[in-house]
Amino acid sequence: MPKTFAVLADLKKDPMGVLRAANGYTVVILDRNAPAFYAVPPERYEAMLEMIDDARLAELVRQRQGEPAVRVDIDELIAGN
């Protein structure tokens, strides 16, 4: 995943210009040559949230493996009984 780097001063001067120059990639904002934060495109941010959610659900599945199964009737669940 390519990254674009920008210094904090450039971001302050022209924030949208920095983002346009990144062409949809993540921008690493540097302050004194150290990463201060990352500007992540909305699509990538949403994908990251989905990955985190998937990882949490996978962990829950791993924790529950080996537990006894419970038979349910889908019609009863839908009816709210």
C-alpha atoms as a PDB file:
ATOM      1  CA  MET A   1       0.000   0.000   0.000  1.00  0.00           C
ATOM      2  CA  PRO A   2       1.756   3.200  -1.122  1.00  0.00           C
ATOM      3  CA  LYS A   3       1.865   6.041   1.341  1.00  0.00           C
ATOM      4  CA  THR A   4       2.194   9.755   0.781  1.00  0.00           C
ATOM      5  CA  PHE A   5       4.190  11.785   3.247  1.00  0.00           C
ATOM      6  CA  ALA A   6       3.556  15.415   4.129  1.00  0.00           C
ATOM      7  CA  VAL A   7       4.836  17.694   6.846  1.00  0.00           C
ATOM      8  CA  LEU A   8       2.474  19.295   9.307  1.00  0.00           C
ATOM      9  CA  ALA A   9       3.242  22.782   7.950  1.00  0.00           C
ATOM     10  CA  ASP A  10       2.093  21.739   4.445  1.00  0.00           C
ATOM     11  CA  LEU A  11      -1.104  20.306   5.866  1.00  0.00           C
ATOM     12  CA  LYS A  12      -1.803  23.557   7.717  1.00  0.00           C
ATOM     13  CA  LYS A  13      -1.256  25.603   4.540  1.00  0.00           C
ATOM     14  CA  ASP A  14      -3.350  23.491   2.165  1.00  0.00           C
ATOM     15  CA  PRO A  15      -5.041  20.467   3.735  1.00  0.00           C
ATOM     16  CA  MET A  16      -7.137  19.598   0.689  1.00  0.00           C
ATOM     17  CA  GLY A  17      -4.126  19.985  -1.608  1.00  0.00           C
ATOM     18  CA  VAL A  18      -2.203  17.448   0.475  1.00  0.00           C
ATOM     19  CA  LEU A  19      -5.112  15.014   0.254  1.00  0.00           C
ATOM     20  CA  ARG A  20      -5.540  15.554  -3.498  1.00  0.00           C
ATOM     21  CA  ALA A  21      -1.836  14.893  -4.043  1.00  0.00           C
ATOM     22  CA  ALA A  22      -2.210  11.559  -2.236  1.00  0.00           C
ATOM     23  CA  ASN A  23      -4.537  10.283  -5.002  1.00  0.00           C
ATOM     24  CA  GLY A  24      -6.653   8.283  -2.547  1.00  0.00           C
ATOM     25  CA  TYR A  25      -3.775   6.810  -0.579  1.00  0.00           C
ATOM     26  CA  THR A  26      -3.097   7.175   3.128  1.00  0.00           C
ATOM     27  CA  VAL A  27      -1.113  10.289   4.022  1.00  0.00           C
ATOM     28  CA  VAL A  28       1.452  10.124   6.810  1.00  0.00           C
ATOM     29  CA  ILE A  29       1.679  13.554   8.428  1.00  0.00           C
ATOM     30  CA  LEU A  30       5.124  14.196   9.851  1.00  0.00           C
ATOM     31  CA  ASP A  31       6.003  16.550  12.677  1.00  0.00           C
ATOM     32  CA  ARG A  32       9.742  16.983  13.184  1.00  0.00           C
ATOM     33  CA  ASN A  33      10.364  13.981  10.899  1.00  0.00           C
ATOM     34  CA  ALA A  34       8.246  11.660  13.034  1.00  0.00           C
ATOM     35  CA  PRO A  35       4.752  10.397  12.196  1.00  0.00           C
ATOM     36  CA  ALA A  36       2.205  12.584  13.979  1.00  0.00           C
ATOM     37  CA  PHE A  37      -0.905  10.968  12.489  1.00  0.00           C
ATOM     38  CA  TYR A  38      -2.334   9.332   9.393  1.00  0.00           C
ATOM     39  CA  ALA A  39      -5.011  10.766   7.117  1.00  0.00           C
ATOM     40  CA  VAL A  40      -6.923   7.744   5.851  1.00  0.00           C
ATOM     41  CA  PRO A  41      -9.415   7.888   2.947  1.00  0.00           C
ATOM     42  CA  PRO A  42     -13.012   7.142   4.012  1.00  0.00           C
ATOM     43  CA  GLU A  43     -13.184   3.908   2.003  1.00  0.00           C
ATOM     44  CA  ARG A  44     -10.028   2.565   3.631  1.00  0.00           C
ATOM     45  CA  TYR A  45     -11.241   3.645   7.076  1.00  0.00           C
ATOM     46  CA  GLU A  46     -14.523   1.756   6.573  1.00  0.00           C
ATOM     47  CA  ALA A  47     -12.579  -1.309   5.398  1.00  0.00           C
ATOM     48  CA  MET A  48     -10.393  -1.111   8.509  1.00  0.00           C
ATOM     49  CA  LEU A  49     -13.476  -0.972  10.742  1.00  0.00           C
ATOM     50  CA  GLU A  50     -14.878  -4.042   8.969  1.00  0.00           C
ATOM     51  CA  MET A  51     -11.591  -5.904   9.477  1.00  0.00           C
ATOM     52  CA  ILE A  52     -11.596  -5.055  13.189  1.00  0.00           C
ATOM     53  CA  ASP A  53     -15.196  -6.227  13.504  1.00  0.00           C
ATOM     54  CA  ASP A  54     -14.385  -9.455  11.642  1.00  0.00           C
ATOM     55  CA  ALA A  55     -11.396 -10.097  13.930  1.00  0.00           C
ATOM     56  CA  ARG A  56     -13.546  -9.594  17.041  1.00  0.00           C
ATOM     57  CA  LEU A  57     -16.206 -11.954  15.707  1.00  0.00           C
ATOM     58  CA  ALA A  58     -13.566 -14.547  14.796  1.00  0.00           C
ATOM     59  CA  GLU A  59     -12.206 -14.374  18.349  1.00  0.00           C
ATOM     60  CA  LEU A  60     -15.719 -14.891  19.725  1.00  0.00           C
ATOM     61  CA  VAL A  61     -16.128 -17.948  17.490  1.00  0.00           C
ATOM     62  CA  ARG A  62     -12.788 -19.355  18.710  1.00  0.00           C
ATOM     63  CA  GLN A  63     -13.824 -18.820  22.336  1.00  0.00           C
ATOM     64  CA  ARG A  64     -17.144 -20.587  21.805  1.00  0.00           C
ATOM     65  CA  GLN A  65     -15.808 -23.571  19.886  1.00  0.00           C
ATOM     66  CA  GLY A  66     -16.373 -26.764  21.811  1.00  0.00           C
ATOM     67  CA  GLU A  67     -19.413 -25.447  23.657  1.00  0.00           C
ATOM     68  CA  PRO A  68     -22.506 -27.613  23.394  1.00  0.00           C
ATOM     69  CA  ALA A  69     -24.769 -26.858  20.452  1.00  0.00           C
ATOM     70  CA  VAL A  70     -28.329 -25.707  21.058  1.00  0.00           C
ATOM     71  CA  ARG A  71     -31.029 -26.738  18.597  1.00  0.00           C
ATOM     72  CA  VAL A  72     -33.436 -23.913  17.726  1.00  0.00           C
ATOM     73  CA  ASP A  73     -36.511 -23.550  15.559  1.00  0.00           C
ATOM     74  CA  ILE A  74     -36.191 -20.559  13.233  1.00  0.00           C
ATOM     75  CA  ASP A  75     -39.965 -20.082  13.152  1.00  0.00           C
ATOM     76  CA  GLU A  76     -40.052 -19.790  16.954  1.00  0.00           C
ATOM     77  CA  LEU A  77     -37.233 -17.270  16.883  1.00  0.00           C
ATOM     78  CA  ILE A  78     -39.031 -15.179  14.273  1.00  0.00           C
ATOM     79  CA  ALA A  79     -42.289 -15.359  16.229  1.00  0.00           C
ATOM     80  CA  GLY A  80     -40.470 -14.137  19.342  1.00  0.00           C
ATOM     81  CA  ASN A  81     -41.238 -17.146  21.545  1.00  0.00           C
END
